Amino acid sequence: MRSILLLIVVTSIASCTSVPTPLNCNDERDLVLQKETEFTESGFEDELLHDLMRTYAEFANACSSDSITPEFLFRRADLLRGDGQIRESIRLFKAVHDGYPQYPKRPVCVFLVAFLYETELNDKVMAEKYYLQVIELYPNSDVARSAKITLQYLGETPAELLKRIQEKNS
C-alpha cells in the first residue's frame, strides 16, 4: 500500500511538471528583429536596450547553431560597448571570433577587442597584442591595414600625435 501511495505521489508530481516546448528559431529570430525595430524607433530607450541585449543572449543560447547567431552576438557586444560594459563586450567579441570560424566579421571582432583595450581600458599592452593578432591572422583585410597604422601611434599622447602631424605637414 505504501509503495502504491508513493507511486501516485510521484506520478502526480511528474504530471504537474511542464515539459518545455521546443524553440522555433525562426520565430525567435523574428522576435529579435522586432525588438531591434522597437529599440531603434524608441530613440534607443535604456529599458529596450537591456531587453534587446537579453533577447540576443537568449536567442544565442537557444539557437547556437543558427547562421544568424554570431551576428546577433556581435550586435550584442556592440551594445554592451555602448552601454559601458567594456570587459563584457571584449569577452563577447572574443567568443564570437573564437566560436564561429565561418563568421565573416571575425577580423573586425579582433580589431574591436584591440581598440577597446586601447581606448576604453587604456591597456596598451593588450591593445598591441590584439592589433598584432589582426595583422597575423588577417593580413590582407582592411582592419589589418588600420591595425598597422594604429600600432605606429600606439602609446602617443594626443599632444605628441598632433606635434607629429604638424611636423609632417610643415
Protein backbone atom coordinates (compact mmCIF):
# COMPACT_ATOMS: atom_id res chain seq x y z
CA MET A 1 0.00 0.00 0.00
CA ARG A 2 2.80 2.37 0.89
CA SER A 3 4.55 1.82 -2.46
CA ILE A 4 1.29 2.43 -4.33
CA LEU A 5 0.81 5.72 -2.47
CA LEU A 6 4.40 6.72 -3.27
CA LEU A 7 3.85 5.85 -6.93
CA ILE A 8 0.70 8.01 -7.03
CA VAL A 9 2.52 10.97 -5.45
CA VAL A 10 5.49 10.69 -7.81
CA THR A 11 3.20 10.35 -10.82
CA SER A 12 1.18 13.38 -9.71
CA ILE A 13 4.30 15.49 -9.28
CA ALA A 14 5.69 14.37 -12.63
CA SER A 15 2.45 15.21 -14.42
CA CYS A 16 2.49 18.73 -12.95
CA THR A 17 5.96 19.43 -14.27
CA SER A 18 5.71 21.17 -17.60
CA VAL A 19 7.81 19.95 -20.46
CA PRO A 20 9.44 22.86 -22.27
CA THR A 21 8.25 23.24 -25.81
CA PRO A 22 10.98 23.16 -28.41
CA LEU A 23 12.03 26.60 -29.52
CA ASN A 24 11.39 27.59 -33.10
CA CYS A 25 14.48 29.55 -34.09
CA ASN A 26 12.68 31.23 -36.98
CA ASP A 27 10.07 32.62 -34.59
CA GLU A 28 12.79 33.66 -32.15
CA ARG A 29 14.73 35.36 -34.97
CA ASP A 30 11.60 37.30 -35.89
CA LEU A 31 11.21 38.33 -32.25
CA VAL A 32 14.79 39.63 -32.15
CA LEU A 33 14.26 41.61 -35.35
CA GLN A 34 11.02 43.04 -33.96
CA LYS A 35 12.81 44.12 -30.77
CA GLU A 36 15.58 45.72 -32.83
CA THR A 37 12.97 47.76 -34.68
CA GLU A 38 11.23 48.76 -31.45
CA PHE A 39 14.56 49.79 -29.92
CA THR A 40 15.50 51.91 -32.92
CA GLU A 41 12.08 53.51 -33.23
CA SER A 42 12.04 54.32 -29.49
CA GLY A 43 15.04 56.58 -29.86
CA PHE A 44 17.23 54.00 -28.10
CA GLU A 45 15.45 53.81 -24.76
CA ASP A 46 17.50 52.23 -21.98
CA GLU A 47 14.83 49.74 -20.99
CA LEU A 48 14.53 48.49 -24.56
CA LEU A 49 18.32 48.37 -24.87
CA HIS A 50 18.60 45.96 -21.97
CA ASP A 51 15.65 43.93 -23.24
CA LEU A 52 17.27 43.65 -26.67
CA MET A 53 20.62 42.60 -25.20
CA ARG A 54 18.84 39.94 -23.13
CA THR A 55 16.93 38.76 -26.22
CA TYR A 56 20.16 38.42 -28.22
CA ALA A 57 21.65 36.29 -25.43
CA GLU A 58 18.53 34.12 -25.14
CA PHE A 59 18.50 33.57 -28.89
CA ALA A 60 22.17 32.59 -28.90
CA ASN A 61 21.66 30.15 -26.03
CA ALA A 62 18.62 28.54 -27.65
CA CYS A 63 19.77 28.64 -31.28
CA SER A 64 23.55 28.50 -31.06
CA SER A 65 23.97 26.77 -34.42
CA ASP A 66 21.67 29.13 -36.33
CA SER A 67 23.51 31.05 -39.04
CA ILE A 68 22.41 34.45 -37.65
CA THR A 69 23.66 33.74 -34.11
CA PRO A 70 27.17 35.21 -34.50
CA GLU A 71 25.70 38.38 -35.99
CA PHE A 72 23.29 38.76 -33.08
CA LEU A 73 26.14 38.20 -30.63
CA PHE A 74 28.25 40.77 -32.49
CA ARG A 75 25.41 43.27 -32.20
CA ARG A 76 25.04 42.45 -28.51
CA ALA A 77 28.77 43.04 -27.96
CA ASP A 78 28.47 46.40 -29.68
CA LEU A 79 25.50 47.37 -27.49
CA LEU A 80 27.42 46.29 -24.39
CA ARG A 81 30.27 48.55 -25.50
CA GLY A 82 27.88 51.45 -25.92
CA ASP A 83 26.37 50.73 -22.51
CA GLY A 84 29.80 50.99 -20.88
CA GLN A 85 30.18 47.26 -20.22
CA ILE A 86 33.59 47.18 -21.87
CA ARG A 87 35.00 43.98 -20.38
CA GLU A 88 31.82 42.05 -21.17
CA SER A 89 31.90 43.47 -24.69
CA ILE A 90 35.52 42.34 -25.14
CA ARG A 91 34.66 38.89 -23.78
CA LEU A 92 31.81 38.55 -26.27
CA PHE A 93 33.79 39.82 -29.28
CA LYS A 94 36.43 37.19 -28.42
CA ALA A 95 33.76 34.49 -28.06
CA VAL A 96 32.25 35.35 -31.45
CA HIS A 97 35.69 35.31 -33.06
CA ASP A 98 36.72 32.02 -31.48
CA GLY A 99 33.36 30.26 -31.63
CA TYR A 100 32.20 30.97 -35.17
CA PRO A 101 35.02 30.24 -37.64
CA GLN A 102 32.84 30.95 -40.70
CA TYR A 103 31.63 34.34 -39.48
CA PRO A 104 32.85 36.98 -41.97
CA LYS A 105 33.31 39.71 -39.33
CA ARG A 106 35.94 37.76 -37.37
CA PRO A 107 38.71 40.22 -38.30
CA VAL A 108 36.56 43.10 -37.05
CA CYS A 109 35.95 41.26 -33.77
CA VAL A 110 39.68 41.07 -33.03
CA PHE A 111 40.23 44.65 -34.14
CA LEU A 112 37.47 45.87 -31.83
CA VAL A 113 38.99 43.94 -28.93
CA ALA A 114 42.28 45.74 -29.55
CA PHE A 115 40.54 49.08 -29.99
CA LEU A 116 38.59 48.70 -26.73
CA TYR A 117 41.73 47.77 -24.82
CA GLU A 118 43.44 50.85 -26.26
CA THR A 119 40.72 53.46 -26.00
CA GLU A 120 38.48 52.33 -23.15
CA LEU A 121 40.77 50.42 -20.79
CA ASN A 122 43.99 52.27 -21.65
CA ASP A 123 45.79 48.92 -21.76
CA LYS A 124 48.37 49.44 -24.49
CA VAL A 125 50.00 46.03 -23.95
CA MET A 126 46.78 44.14 -24.61
CA ALA A 127 45.86 46.50 -27.43
CA GLU A 128 49.19 45.81 -29.13
CA LYS A 129 48.73 42.06 -28.67
CA TYR A 130 45.36 42.11 -30.43
CA TYR A 131 46.38 44.57 -33.16
CA LEU A 132 49.26 42.20 -33.94
CA GLN A 133 46.83 39.29 -33.95
CA VAL A 134 44.68 41.09 -36.52
CA ILE A 135 47.72 41.60 -38.74
CA GLU A 136 48.89 38.00 -38.32
CA LEU A 137 45.53 36.30 -38.86
CA TYR A 138 44.03 38.64 -41.46
CA PRO A 139 46.98 40.32 -43.23
CA ASN A 140 45.02 41.36 -46.33
CA SER A 141 42.00 42.80 -44.53
CA ASP A 142 41.04 46.44 -44.17
CA VAL A 143 41.28 46.12 -40.39
CA ALA A 144 44.85 44.79 -40.69
CA ARG A 145 45.81 47.95 -42.58
CA SER A 146 44.15 50.02 -39.84
CA ALA A 147 45.90 47.98 -37.15
CA LYS A 148 49.31 48.64 -38.75
CA ILE A 149 48.66 52.38 -38.76
CA THR A 150 47.36 52.31 -35.20
CA LEU A 151 50.43 50.43 -33.98
CA GLN A 152 52.65 53.22 -35.33
CA TYR A 153 50.97 55.69 -32.98
CA LEU A 154 50.04 53.45 -30.07
CA GLY A 155 51.06 54.98 -26.79
CA GLU A 156 51.43 58.52 -28.04
CA THR A 157 49.54 61.24 -26.23
CA PRO A 158 47.22 63.44 -28.27
CA ALA A 159 49.76 66.26 -27.96
CA GLU A 160 52.56 64.05 -29.31
CA LEU A 161 50.35 62.87 -32.14
CA LEU A 162 49.37 66.44 -33.04
CA LYS A 163 53.02 67.50 -33.00
CA ARG A 164 53.94 64.62 -35.30
CA ILE A 165 51.17 65.56 -37.75
CA GLN A 166 52.19 69.22 -37.71
CA GLU A 167 55.83 68.33 -38.34
CA LYS A 168 54.81 66.10 -41.23
CA ASN A 169 52.71 68.89 -42.78
CA SER A 170 55.48 71.51 -42.41
